Amino acid sequence: MSIPHFKSNHDWEDFTSIFDKQWHCRRALLNRVKDDMFPNTSWNGLTAKSIEVINDIVTNLLYEVERQFKETHQDYKTADDDIFIPYHSFKESVAAALKEALETKKESFEESPWDSE
């Protein structure tokens, strides 16, 4: 989807208002998952793979929540909602991020000054 050519400033303001609401929601969800998985860790302290996994978790959960919501609230369902596309790389992404985190921890443990005694 591309950004439309707006016919008026009012249309532009409506569009950016929707964007802002969606962004604030998405950002809150990303922070919630990050804080649960990596307590007391800033975004700068995470690896790129960990950030990717956090985004994948939020995306997957939003997909599942929307699907479950529409199953219990049939009046929100559309014809496209009967198409289920699982997110297969989620498991692989989590496994890779955990492996990377363990390797980083192992490296920092091996460099520990406690080993030189």
PDB file of N, CA and C in Angstrom:
ATOM      1  N   MET A   1       0.844  -1.167   0.000  1.00  0.00           N
ATOM      2  CA  MET A   1       0.000   0.000   0.000  1.00  0.00           C
ATOM      3  C   MET A   1       0.890   1.231   0.000  1.00  0.00           C
ATOM      4  N   SER A   2       0.523   2.208  -0.779  1.00  0.00           N
ATOM      5  CA  SER A   2       1.299   3.437  -0.839  1.00  0.00           C
ATOM      6  C   SER A   2       0.512   4.592  -0.213  1.00  0.00           C
ATOM      7  N   ILE A   3       1.213   5.663   0.073  1.00  0.00           N
ATOM      8  CA  ILE A   3       0.553   6.843   0.622  1.00  0.00           C
ATOM      9  C   ILE A   3      -0.189   7.531  -0.519  1.00  0.00           C
ATOM     10  N   PRO A   4      -1.477   7.799  -0.329  1.00  0.00           N
ATOM     11  CA  PRO A   4      -2.264   8.401  -1.420  1.00  0.00           C
ATOM     12  C   PRO A   4      -1.914   9.870  -1.644  1.00  0.00           C
ATOM     13  N   HIS A   5      -2.275  10.361  -2.808  1.00  0.00           N
ATOM     14  CA  HIS A   5      -2.179  11.791  -3.091  1.00  0.00           C
ATOM     15  C   HIS A   5      -3.417  12.422  -2.478  1.00  0.00           C
ATOM     16  N   PHE A   6      -3.228  13.209  -1.444  1.00  0.00           N
ATOM     17  CA  PHE A   6      -4.349  13.752  -0.698  1.00  0.00           C
ATOM     18  C   PHE A   6      -5.016  14.897  -1.448  1.00  0.00           C
ATOM     19  N   LYS A   7      -6.318  14.941  -1.352  1.00  0.00           N
ATOM     20  CA  LYS A   7      -7.110  15.964  -2.037  1.00  0.00           C
ATOM     21  C   LYS A   7      -7.235  17.229  -1.208  1.00  0.00           C
ATOM     22  N   SER A   8      -6.935  17.121   0.086  1.00  0.00           N
ATOM     23  CA  SER A   8      -7.029  18.296   0.948  1.00  0.00           C
ATOM     24  C   SER A   8      -6.149  18.117   2.169  1.00  0.00           C
ATOM     25  N   ASN A   9      -5.900  19.209   2.862  1.00  0.00           N
ATOM     26  CA  ASN A   9      -5.143  19.139   4.115  1.00  0.00           C
ATOM     27  C   ASN A   9      -5.912  18.336   5.165  1.00  0.00           C
ATOM     28  N   HIS A  10      -7.210  18.419   5.138  1.00  0.00           N
ATOM     29  CA  HIS A  10      -8.046  17.674   6.078  1.00  0.00           C
ATOM     30  C   HIS A  10      -7.823  16.177   5.899  1.00  0.00           C
ATOM     31  N   ASP A  11      -7.763  15.711   4.647  1.00  0.00           N
ATOM     32  CA  ASP A  11      -7.508  14.291   4.385  1.00  0.00           C
ATOM     33  C   ASP A  11      -6.123  13.885   4.906  1.00  0.00           C
ATOM     34  N   TRP A  12      -5.133  14.751   4.688  1.00  0.00           N
ATOM     35  CA  TRP A  12      -3.777  14.502   5.180  1.00  0.00           C
ATOM     36  C   TRP A  12      -3.785  14.398   6.705  1.00  0.00           C
ATOM     37  N   GLU A  13      -4.476  15.296   7.381  1.00  0.00           N
ATOM     38  CA  GLU A  13      -4.556  15.278   8.840  1.00  0.00           C
ATOM     39  C   GLU A  13      -5.255  14.017   9.335  1.00  0.00           C
ATOM     40  N   ASP A  14      -6.315  13.589   8.655  1.00  0.00           N
ATOM     41  CA  ASP A  14      -6.989  12.345   9.034  1.00  0.00           C
ATOM     42  C   ASP A  14      -6.048  11.151   8.904  1.00  0.00           C
ATOM     43  N   PHE A  15      -5.315  11.124   7.802  1.00  0.00           N
ATOM     44  CA  PHE A  15      -4.375  10.039   7.539  1.00  0.00           C
ATOM     45  C   PHE A  15      -3.291   9.986   8.618  1.00  0.00           C
ATOM     46  N   THR A  16      -2.673  11.127   8.917  1.00  0.00           N
ATOM     47  CA  THR A  16      -1.598  11.146   9.909  1.00  0.00           C
ATOM     48  C   THR A  16      -2.123  10.875  11.319  1.00  0.00           C
ATOM     49  N   SER A  17      -3.354  11.243  11.584  1.00  0.00           N
ATOM     50  CA  SER A  17      -3.959  10.934  12.883  1.00  0.00           C
ATOM     51  C   SER A  17      -4.099   9.421  13.065  1.00  0.00           C
ATOM     52  N   ILE A  18      -4.560   8.754  12.036  1.00  0.00           N
ATOM     53  CA  ILE A  18      -4.677   7.290  12.085  1.00  0.00           C
ATOM     54  C   ILE A  18      -3.293   6.663  12.245  1.00  0.00           C
ATOM     55  N   PHE A  19      -2.325   7.168  11.475  1.00  0.00           N
ATOM     56  CA  PHE A  19      -0.948   6.667  11.571  1.00  0.00           C
ATOM     57  C   PHE A  19      -0.425   6.825  12.993  1.00  0.00           C
ATOM     58  N   ASP A  20      -0.610   8.016  13.577  1.00  0.00           N
ATOM     59  CA  ASP A  20      -0.113   8.276  14.931  1.00  0.00           C
ATOM     60  C   ASP A  20      -0.726   7.318  15.945  1.00  0.00           C
ATOM     61  N   LYS A  21      -2.021   7.074  15.843  1.00  0.00           N
ATOM     62  CA  LYS A  21      -2.687   6.151  16.766  1.00  0.00           C
ATOM     63  C   LYS A  21      -2.128   4.733  16.606  1.00  0.00           C
ATOM     64  N   GLN A  22      -1.948   4.307  15.360  1.00  0.00           N
ATOM     65  CA  GLN A  22      -1.401   2.973  15.105  1.00  0.00           C
ATOM     66  C   GLN A  22       0.038   2.858  15.606  1.00  0.00           C
ATOM     67  N   TRP A  23       0.833   3.905  15.373  1.00  0.00           N
ATOM     68  CA  TRP A  23       2.233   3.886  15.803  1.00  0.00           C
ATOM     69  C   TRP A  23       2.323   3.819  17.325  1.00  0.00           C
ATOM     70  N   HIS A  24       1.537   4.627  18.029  1.00  0.00           N
ATOM     71  CA  HIS A  24       1.582   4.618  19.490  1.00  0.00           C
ATOM     72  C   HIS A  24       1.184   3.247  20.037  1.00  0.00           C
ATOM     73  N   CYS A  25       0.205   2.624  19.424  1.00  0.00           N
ATOM     74  CA  CYS A  25      -0.213   1.280  19.835  1.00  0.00           C
ATOM     75  C   CYS A  25       0.907   0.277  19.580  1.00  0.00           C
ATOM     76  N   ARG A  26       1.470   0.305  18.390  1.00  0.00           N
ATOM     77  CA  ARG A  26       2.538  -0.634  18.021  1.00  0.00           C
ATOM     78  C   ARG A  26       3.756  -0.460  18.924  1.00  0.00           C
ATOM     79  N   ARG A  27       4.131   0.786  19.160  1.00  0.00           N
ATOM     80  CA  ARG A  27       5.293   1.073  20.004  1.00  0.00           C
ATOM     81  C   ARG A  27       5.063   0.566  21.430  1.00  0.00           C
ATOM     82  N   ALA A  28       3.860   0.762  21.947  1.00  0.00           N
ATOM     83  CA  ALA A  28       3.544   0.281  23.295  1.00  0.00           C
ATOM     84  C   ALA A  28       3.644  -1.242  23.356  1.00  0.00           C
ATOM     85  N   LEU A  29       3.157  -1.923  22.322  1.00  0.00           N
ATOM     86  CA  LEU A  29       3.226  -3.386  22.293  1.00  0.00           C
ATOM     87  C   LEU A  29       4.668  -3.872  22.172  1.00  0.00           C
ATOM     88  N   LEU A  30       5.464  -3.205  21.335  1.00  0.00           N
ATOM     89  CA  LEU A  30       6.876  -3.574  21.203  1.00  0.00           C
ATOM     90  C   LEU A  30       7.600  -3.410  22.537  1.00  0.00           C
ATOM     91  N   ASN A  31       7.352  -2.290  23.224  1.00  0.00           N
ATOM     92  CA  ASN A  31       7.986  -2.057  24.522  1.00  0.00           C
ATOM     93  C   ASN A  31       7.528  -3.080  25.554  1.00  0.00           C
ATOM     94  N   ARG A  32       6.275  -3.452  25.497  1.00  0.00           N
ATOM     95  CA  ARG A  32       5.745  -4.443  26.449  1.00  0.00           C
ATOM     96  C   ARG A  32       6.449  -5.788  26.289  1.00  0.00           C
ATOM     97  N   VAL A  33       6.587  -6.235  25.038  1.00  0.00           N
ATOM     98  CA  VAL A  33       7.265  -7.518  24.790  1.00  0.00           C
ATOM     99  C   VAL A  33       8.740  -7.419  25.164  1.00  0.00           C
ATOM    100  N   LYS A  34       9.396  -6.325  24.776  1.00  0.00           N
ATOM    101  CA  LYS A  34      10.818  -6.150  25.113  1.00  0.00           C
ATOM    102  C   LYS A  34      11.028  -6.189  26.616  1.00  0.00           C
ATOM    103  N   ASP A  35      10.192  -5.456  27.351  1.00  0.00           N
ATOM    104  CA  ASP A  35      10.350  -5.392  28.801  1.00  0.00           C
ATOM    105  C   ASP A  35      10.082  -6.740  29.467  1.00  0.00           C
ATOM    106  N   ASP A  36       9.183  -7.535  28.901  1.00  0.00           N
ATOM    107  CA  ASP A  36       8.933  -8.873  29.452  1.00  0.00           C
ATOM    108  C   ASP A  36      10.085  -9.829  29.168  1.00  0.00           C
ATOM    109  N   MET A  37      10.636  -9.744  27.972  1.00  0.00           N
ATOM    110  CA  MET A  37      11.703 -10.667  27.580  1.00  0.00           C
ATOM    111  C   MET A  37      13.082 -10.242  28.075  1.00  0.00           C
ATOM    112  N   PHE A  38      13.321  -8.935  28.102  1.00  0.00           N
ATOM    113  CA  PHE A  38      14.632  -8.398  28.464  1.00  0.00           C
ATOM    114  C   PHE A  38      14.454  -7.289  29.509  1.00  0.00           C
ATOM    115  N   PRO A  39      14.099  -7.654  30.736  1.00  0.00           N
ATOM    116  CA  PRO A  39      13.879  -6.623  31.760  1.00  0.00           C
ATOM    117  C   PRO A  39      15.135  -5.771  31.968  1.00  0.00           C
ATOM    118  N   ASN A  40      14.926  -4.510  32.213  1.00  0.00           N
ATOM    119  CA  ASN A  40      16.018  -3.557  32.495  1.00  0.00           C
ATOM    120  C   ASN A  40      17.027  -3.443  31.350  1.00  0.00           C
ATOM    121  N   THR A  41      16.583  -3.714  30.125  1.00  0.00           N
ATOM    122  CA  THR A  41      17.461  -3.594  28.960  1.00  0.00           C
ATOM    123  C   THR A  41      16.881  -2.545  28.020  1.00  0.00           C
ATOM    124  N   SER A  42      17.739  -1.623  27.576  1.00  0.00           N
ATOM    125  CA  SER A  42      17.280  -0.611  26.625  1.00  0.00           C
ATOM    126  C   SER A  42      17.297  -1.207  25.221  1.00  0.00           C
ATOM    127  N   TRP A  43      16.630  -0.539  24.311  1.00  0.00           N
ATOM    128  CA  TRP A  43      16.652  -0.983  22.918  1.00  0.00           C
ATOM    129  C   TRP A  43      18.078  -1.000  22.390  1.00  0.00           C
ATOM    130  N   ASN A  44      18.909  -0.046  22.818  1.00  0.00           N
ATOM    131  CA  ASN A  44      20.307   0.013  22.369  1.00  0.00           C
ATOM    132  C   ASN A  44      21.124  -1.183  22.840  1.00  0.00           C
ATOM    133  N   GLY A  45      20.678  -1.833  23.912  1.00  0.00           N
ATOM    134  CA  GLY A  45      21.395  -2.982  24.444  1.00  0.00           C
ATOM    135  C   GLY A  45      21.024  -4.301  23.797  1.00  0.00           C
ATOM    136  N   LEU A  46      20.132  -4.270  22.829  1.00  0.00           N
ATOM    137  CA  LEU A  46      19.678  -5.498  22.171  1.00  0.00           C
ATOM    138  C   LEU A  46      20.389  -5.698  20.834  1.00  0.00           C
ATOM    139  N   THR A  47      20.535  -6.944  20.452  1.00  0.00           N
ATOM    140  CA  THR A  47      21.092  -7.253  19.135  1.00  0.00           C
ATOM    141  C   THR A  47      20.004  -7.040  18.075  1.00  0.00           C
ATOM    142  N   ALA A  48      20.423  -6.909  16.853  1.00  0.00           N
ATOM    143  CA  ALA A  48      19.466  -6.748  15.750  1.00  0.00           C
ATOM    144  C   ALA A  48      18.529  -7.951  15.675  1.00  0.00           C
ATOM    145  N   LYS A  49      19.057  -9.130  15.903  1.00  0.00           N
ATOM    146  CA  LYS A  49      18.237 -10.341  15.852  1.00  0.00           C
ATOM    147  C   LYS A  49      17.198 -10.340  16.965  1.00  0.00           C
ATOM    148  N   SER A  50      17.563  -9.883  18.149  1.00  0.00           N
ATOM    149  CA  SER A  50      16.609  -9.810  19.259  1.00  0.00           C
ATOM    150  C   SER A  50      15.486  -8.828  18.947  1.00  0.00           C
ATOM    151  N   ILE A  51      15.835  -7.706  18.350  1.00  0.00           N
ATOM    152  CA  ILE A  51      14.821  -6.715  17.964  1.00  0.00           C
ATOM    153  C   ILE A  51      13.890  -7.300  16.908  1.00  0.00           C
ATOM    154  N   GLU A  52      14.459  -8.040  15.981  1.00  0.00           N
ATOM    155  CA  GLU A  52      13.655  -8.698  14.950  1.00  0.00           C
ATOM    156  C   GLU A  52      12.683  -9.704  15.574  1.00  0.00           C
ATOM    157  N   VAL A  53      13.158 -10.448  16.567  1.00  0.00           N
ATOM    158  CA  VAL A  53      12.301 -11.424  17.238  1.00  0.00           C
ATOM    159  C   VAL A  53      11.171 -10.720  17.988  1.00  0.00           C
ATOM    160  N   ILE A  54      11.474  -9.635  18.659  1.00  0.00           N
ATOM    161  CA  ILE A  54      10.444  -8.867  19.371  1.00  0.00           C
ATOM    162  C   ILE A  54       9.378  -8.399  18.385  1.00  0.00           C
ATOM    163  N   ASN A  55       9.813  -7.872  17.254  1.00  0.00           N
ATOM    164  CA  ASN A  55       8.863  -7.430  16.226  1.00  0.00           C
ATOM    165  C   ASN A  55       8.039  -8.603  15.705  1.00  0.00           C
ATOM    166  N   ASP A  56       8.679  -9.746  15.500  1.00  0.00           N
ATOM    167  CA  ASP A  56       7.966 -10.935  15.018  1.00  0.00           C
ATOM    168  C   ASP A  56       6.921 -11.405  16.033  1.00  0.00           C
ATOM    169  N   ILE A  57       7.273 -11.353  17.312  1.00  0.00           N
ATOM    170  CA  ILE A  57       6.324 -11.760  18.349  1.00  0.00           C
ATOM    171  C   ILE A  57       5.107 -10.849  18.334  1.00  0.00           C
ATOM    172  N   VAL A  58       5.342  -9.540  18.284  1.00  0.00           N
ATOM    173  CA  VAL A  58       4.223  -8.580  18.262  1.00  0.00           C
ATOM    174  C   VAL A  58       3.369  -8.791  17.019  1.00  0.00           C
ATOM    175  N   THR A  59       3.996  -8.954  15.868  1.00  0.00           N
ATOM    176  CA  THR A  59       3.253  -9.163  14.630  1.00  0.00           C
ATOM    177  C   THR A  59       2.411 -10.429  14.706  1.00  0.00           C
ATOM    178  N   ASN A  60       3.027 -11.510  15.192  1.00  0.00           N
ATOM    179  CA  ASN A  60       2.325 -12.784  15.307  1.00  0.00           C
ATOM    180  C   ASN A  60       1.166 -12.693  16.297  1.00  0.00           C
ATOM    181  N   LEU A  61       1.396 -12.072  17.436  1.00  0.00           N
ATOM    182  CA  LEU A  61       0.337 -11.935  18.434  1.00  0.00           C
ATOM    183  C   LEU A  61      -0.810 -11.064  17.925  1.00  0.00           C
ATOM    184  N   LEU A  62      -0.483  -9.978  17.239  1.00  0.00           N
ATOM    185  CA  LEU A  62      -1.544  -9.135  16.677  1.00  0.00           C
ATOM    186  C   LEU A  62      -2.387  -9.917  15.681  1.00  0.00           C
ATOM    187  N   TYR A  63      -1.732 -10.716  14.872  1.00  0.00           N
ATOM    188  CA  TYR A  63      -2.434 -11.551  13.893  1.00  0.00           C
ATOM    189  C   TYR A  63      -3.368 -12.523  14.607  1.00  0.00           C
ATOM    190  N   GLU A  64      -2.849 -13.197  15.641  1.00  0.00           N
ATOM    191  CA  GLU A  64      -3.646 -14.172  16.386  1.00  0.00           C
ATOM    192  C   GLU A  64      -4.784 -13.511  17.156  1.00  0.00           C
ATOM    193  N   VAL A  65      -4.509 -12.378  17.785  1.00  0.00           N
ATOM    194  CA  VAL A  65      -5.540 -11.682  18.550  1.00  0.00           C
ATOM    195  C   VAL A  65      -6.671 -11.230  17.627  1.00  0.00           C
ATOM    196  N   GLU A  66      -6.296 -10.671  16.479  1.00  0.00           N
ATOM    197  CA  GLU A  66      -7.319 -10.235  15.523  1.00  0.00           C
ATOM    198  C   GLU A  66      -8.155 -11.419  15.040  1.00  0.00           C
ATOM    199  N   ARG A  67      -7.495 -12.534  14.747  1.00  0.00           N
ATOM    200  CA  ARG A  67      -8.202 -13.732  14.274  1.00  0.00           C
ATOM    201  C   ARG A  67      -9.160 -14.251  15.348  1.00  0.00           C
ATOM    202  N   GLN A  68      -8.681 -14.349  16.577  1.00  0.00           N
ATOM    203  CA  GLN A  68      -9.536 -14.838  17.665  1.00  0.00           C
ATOM    204  C   GLN A  68     -10.686 -13.876  17.959  1.00  0.00           C
ATOM    205  N   PHE A  69     -10.391 -12.582  17.901  1.00  0.00           N
ATOM    206  CA  PHE A  69     -11.435 -11.586  18.138  1.00  0.00           C
ATOM    207  C   PHE A  69     -12.549 -11.723  17.106  1.00  0.00           C
ATOM    208  N   LYS A  70     -12.165 -11.873  15.854  1.00  0.00           N
ATOM    209  CA  LYS A  70     -13.161 -11.988  14.792  1.00  0.00           C
ATOM    210  C   LYS A  70     -13.931 -13.303  14.863  1.00  0.00           C
ATOM    211  N   GLU A  71     -13.320 -14.349  15.420  1.00  0.00           N
ATOM    212  CA  GLU A  71     -14.044 -15.612  15.607  1.00  0.00           C
ATOM    213  C   GLU A  71     -15.149 -15.470  16.651  1.00  0.00           C
ATOM    214  N   THR A  72     -14.884 -14.682  17.661  1.00  0.00           N
ATOM    215  CA  THR A  72     -15.881 -14.495  18.721  1.00  0.00           C
ATOM    216  C   THR A  72     -16.798 -13.305  18.474  1.00  0.00           C
ATOM    217  N   HIS A  73     -16.458 -12.464  17.515  1.00  0.00           N
ATOM    218  CA  HIS A  73     -17.273 -11.302  17.139  1.00  0.00           C
ATOM    219  C   HIS A  73     -17.498 -11.357  15.622  1.00  0.00           C
ATOM    220  N   GLN A  74     -18.390 -12.239  15.226  1.00  0.00           N
ATOM    221  CA  GLN A  74     -18.609 -12.533  13.810  1.00  0.00           C
ATOM    222  C   GLN A  74     -18.951 -11.297  12.970  1.00  0.00           C
ATOM    223  N   ASP A  75     -19.521 -10.270  13.580  1.00  0.00           N
ATOM    224  CA  ASP A  75     -19.900  -9.084  12.819  1.00  0.00           C
ATOM    225  C   ASP A  75     -18.688  -8.293  12.316  1.00  0.00           C
ATOM    226  N   TYR A  76     -17.485  -8.636  12.781  1.00  0.00           N
ATOM    227  CA  TYR A  76     -16.261  -7.988  12.300  1.00  0.00           C
ATOM    228  C   TYR A  76     -15.592  -8.782  11.171  1.00  0.00           C
ATOM    229  N   LYS A  77     -16.062  -9.985  10.908  1.00  0.00           N
ATOM    230  CA  LYS A  77     -15.439 -10.864   9.920  1.00  0.00           C
ATOM    231  C   LYS A  77     -15.683 -10.395   8.494  1.00  0.00           C
ATOM    232  N   THR A  78     -14.671 -10.598   7.655  1.00  0.00           N
ATOM    233  CA  THR A  78     -14.795 -10.334   6.217  1.00  0.00           C
ATOM    234  C   THR A  78     -14.446 -11.620   5.474  1.00  0.00           C
ATOM    235  N   ALA A  79     -14.639 -11.626   4.177  1.00  0.00           N
ATOM    236  CA  ALA A  79     -14.352 -12.820   3.375  1.00  0.00           C
ATOM    237  C   ALA A  79     -12.875 -13.203   3.459  1.00  0.00           C
ATOM    238  N   ASP A  80     -11.990 -12.230   3.563  1.00  0.00           N
ATOM    239  CA  ASP A  80     -10.552 -12.498   3.635  1.00  0.00           C
ATOM    240  C   ASP A  80     -10.132 -13.145   4.950  1.00  0.00           C
ATOM    241  N   ASP A  81     -10.951 -13.052   5.972  1.00  0.00           N
ATOM    242  CA  ASP A  81     -10.576 -13.577   7.282  1.00  0.00           C
ATOM    243  C   ASP A  81     -10.545 -15.094   7.348  1.00  0.00           C
ATOM    244  N   ASP A  82     -11.105 -15.764   6.376  1.00  0.00           N
ATOM    245  CA  ASP A  82     -11.083 -17.222   6.368  1.00  0.00           C
ATOM    246  C   ASP A  82      -9.758 -17.776   5.842  1.00  0.00           C
ATOM    247  N   ILE A  83      -8.913 -16.901   5.352  1.00  0.00           N
ATOM    248  CA  ILE A  83      -7.589 -17.307   4.874  1.00  0.00           C
ATOM    249  C   ILE A  83      -6.631 -17.243   6.059  1.00  0.00           C
ATOM    250  N   PHE A  84      -6.045 -18.384   6.407  1.00  0.00           N
ATOM    251  CA  PHE A  84      -5.095 -18.430   7.513  1.00  0.00           C
ATOM    252  C   PHE A  84      -3.705 -18.666   6.959  1.00  0.00           C
ATOM    253  N   ILE A  85      -2.790 -17.747   7.249  1.00  0.00           N
ATOM    254  CA  ILE A  85      -1.414 -17.877   6.789  1.00  0.00           C
ATOM    255  C   ILE A  85      -0.515 -17.890   8.020  1.00  0.00           C
ATOM    256  N   PRO A  86      -0.015 -19.062   8.419  1.00  0.00           N
ATOM    257  CA  PRO A  86       0.840 -19.120   9.612  1.00  0.00           C
ATOM    258  C   PRO A  86       2.191 -18.462   9.356  1.00  0.00           C
ATOM    259  N   TYR A  87       2.757 -17.958  10.396  1.00  0.00           N
ATOM    260  CA  TYR A  87       4.054 -17.297  10.322  1.00  0.00           C
ATOM    261  C   TYR A  87       5.118 -18.317  10.698  1.00  0.00           C
ATOM    262  N   HIS A  88       5.673 -19.005   9.713  1.00  0.00           N
ATOM    263  CA  HIS A  88       6.563 -20.143   9.949  1.00  0.00           C
ATOM    264  C   HIS A  88       7.929 -19.766  10.497  1.00  0.00           C
ATOM    265  N   SER A  89       8.464 -18.611  10.145  1.00  0.00           N
ATOM    266  CA  SER A  89       9.825 -18.296  10.544  1.00  0.00           C
ATOM    267  C   SER A  89       9.916 -17.807  11.985  1.00  0.00           C
ATOM    268  N   PHE A  90       8.804 -17.674  12.670  1.00  0.00           N
ATOM    269  CA  PHE A  90       8.807 -17.216  14.052  1.00  0.00           C
ATOM    270  C   PHE A  90       9.666 -18.115  14.936  1.00  0.00           C
ATOM    271  N   LYS A  91       9.454 -19.410  14.840  1.00  0.00           N
ATOM    272  CA  LYS A  91      10.198 -20.368  15.665  1.00  0.00           C
ATOM    273  C   LYS A  91      11.699 -20.283  15.372  1.00  0.00           C
ATOM    274  N   GLU A  92      12.046 -20.222  14.105  1.00  0.00           N
ATOM    275  CA  GLU A  92      13.455 -20.136  13.732  1.00  0.00           C
ATOM    276  C   GLU A  92      14.087 -18.842  14.242  1.00  0.00           C
ATOM    277  N   SER A  93      13.347 -17.741  14.191  1.00  0.00           N
ATOM    278  CA  SER A  93      13.861 -16.459  14.669  1.00  0.00           C
ATOM    279  C   SER A  93      14.103 -16.488  16.173  1.00  0.00           C
ATOM    280  N   VAL A  94      13.179 -17.063  16.925  1.00  0.00           N
ATOM    281  CA  VAL A  94      13.343 -17.165  18.379  1.00  0.00           C
ATOM    282  C   VAL A  94      14.543 -18.036  18.703  1.00  0.00           C
ATOM    283  N   ALA A  95      14.666 -19.157  18.019  1.00  0.00           N
ATOM    284  CA  ALA A  95      15.787 -20.061  18.267  1.00  0.00           C
ATOM    285  C   ALA A  95      17.123 -19.374  17.968  1.00  0.00           C
ATOM    286  N   ALA A  96      17.195 -18.640  16.873  1.00  0.00           N
ATOM    287  CA  ALA A  96      18.437 -17.952  16.499  1.00  0.00           C
ATOM    288  C   ALA A  96      18.779 -16.855  17.508  1.00  0.00           C
ATOM    289  N   ALA A  97      17.777 -16.103  17.963  1.00  0.00           N
ATOM    290  CA  ALA A  97      18.026 -15.037  18.935  1.00  0.00           C
ATOM    291  C   ALA A  97      18.505 -15.611  20.269  1.00  0.00           C
ATOM    292  N   LEU A  98      17.890 -16.705  20.702  1.00  0.00           N
ATOM    293  CA  LEU A  98      18.318 -17.336  21.949  1.00  0.00           C
ATOM    294  C   LEU A  98      19.743 -17.876  21.828  1.00  0.00           C
ATOM    295  N   LYS A  99      20.054 -18.476  20.692  1.00  0.00           N
ATOM    296  CA  LYS A  99      21.408 -18.995  20.467  1.00  0.00           C
ATOM    297  C   LYS A  99      22.417 -17.849  20.513  1.00  0.00           C
ATOM    298  N   GLU A 100      22.081 -16.731  19.846  1.00  0.00           N
ATOM    299  CA  GLU A 100      22.979 -15.580  19.824  1.00  0.00           C
ATOM    300  C   GLU A 100      23.172 -15.015  21.234  1.00  0.00           C
ATOM    301  N   ALA A 101      22.090 -14.944  21.998  1.00  0.00           N
ATOM    302  CA  ALA A 101      22.178 -14.427  23.364  1.00  0.00           C
ATOM    303  C   ALA A 101      23.050 -15.333  24.232  1.00  0.00           C
ATOM    304  N   LEU A 102      22.886 -16.645  24.079  1.00  0.00           N
ATOM    305  CA  LEU A 102      23.693 -17.594  24.855  1.00  0.00           C
ATOM    306  C   LEU A 102      25.166 -17.504  24.481  1.00  0.00           C
ATOM    307  N   GLU A 103      25.457 -17.349  23.186  1.00  0.00           N
ATOM    308  CA  GLU A 103      26.851 -17.226  22.748  1.00  0.00           C
ATOM    309  C   GLU A 103      27.479 -15.953  23.290  1.00  0.00           C
ATOM    310  N   THR A 104      26.726 -14.854  23.294  1.00  0.00           N
ATOM    311  CA  THR A 104      27.230 -13.595  23.830  1.00  0.00           C
ATOM    312  C   THR A 104      27.505 -13.724  25.318  1.00  0.00           C
ATOM    313  N   LYS A 105      26.582 -14.363  26.038  1.00  0.00           N
ATOM    314  CA  LYS A 105      26.758 -14.583  27.473  1.00  0.00           C
ATOM    315  C   LYS A 105      27.975 -15.460  27.725  1.00  0.00           C
ATOM    316  N   LYS A 106      28.143 -16.513  26.895  1.00  0.00           N
ATOM    317  CA  LYS A 106      29.269 -17.429  27.055  1.00  0.00           C
ATOM    318  C   LYS A 106      30.583 -16.683  26.838  1.00  0.00           C
ATOM    319  N   GLU A 107      30.627 -15.823  25.805  1.00  0.00           N
ATOM    320  CA  GLU A 107      31.839 -15.053  25.529  1.00  0.00           C
ATOM    321  C   GLU A 107      32.181 -14.121  26.686  1.00  0.00           C
ATOM    322  N   SER A 108      31.169 -13.445  27.227  1.00  0.00           N
ATOM    323  CA  SER A 108      31.434 -12.535  28.345  1.00  0.00           C
ATOM    324  C   SER A 108      31.847 -13.313  29.588  1.00  0.00           C
ATOM    325  N   PHE A 109      31.349 -14.533  29.759  1.00  0.00           N
ATOM    326  CA  PHE A 109      31.734 -15.375  30.884  1.00  0.00           C
ATOM    327  C   PHE A 109      33.176 -15.832  30.726  1.00  0.00           C
ATOM    328  N   GLU A 110      33.555 -16.180  29.500  1.00  0.00           N
ATOM    329  CA  GLU A 110      34.922 -16.644  29.246  1.00  0.00           C
ATOM    330  C   GLU A 110      35.943 -15.530  29.440  1.00  0.00           C
ATOM    331  N   GLU A 111      35.522 -14.289  29.258  1.00  0.00           N
ATOM    332  CA  GLU A 111      36.417 -13.148  29.437  1.00  0.00           C
ATOM    333  C   GLU A 111      36.399 -12.632  30.878  1.00  0.00           C
ATOM    334  N   SER A 112      35.738 -13.312  31.751  1.00  0.00           N
ATOM    335  CA  SER A 112      35.593 -12.897  33.135  1.00  0.00           C
ATOM    336  C   SER A 112      36.932 -12.869  33.847  1.00  0.00           C
ATOM    337  N   PRO A 113      37.188 -11.830  34.654  1.00  0.00           N
ATOM    338  CA  PRO A 113      38.452 -11.769  35.393  1.00  0.00           C
ATOM    339  C   PRO A 113      38.553 -12.834  36.486  1.00  0.00           C
ATOM    340  N   TRP A 114      37.451 -13.463  36.814  1.00  0.00           N
ATOM    341  CA  TRP A 114      37.435 -14.493  37.841  1.00  0.00           C
ATOM    342  C   TRP A 114      38.181 -15.745  37.383  1.00  0.00           C
ATOM    343  N   ASP A 115      38.310 -15.909  36.054  1.00  0.00           N
ATOM    344  CA  ASP A 115      38.969 -17.104  35.522  1.00  0.00           C
ATOM    345  C   ASP A 115      40.483 -17.052  35.692  1.00  0.00           C
ATOM    346  N   SER A 116      41.066 -15.869  35.917  1.00  0.00           N
ATOM    347  CA  SER A 116      42.531 -15.746  35.937  1.00  0.00           C
ATOM    348  C   SER A 116      43.149 -16.123  37.275  1.00  0.00           C
ATOM    349  N   GLU A 117      42.367 -16.500  38.236  1.00  0.00           N
ATOM    350  CA  GLU A 117      42.914 -16.848  39.558  1.00  0.00           C
ATOM    351  C   GLU A 117      43.547 -18.208  39.584  1.00  0.00           C
TER     352      GLU A 117
END
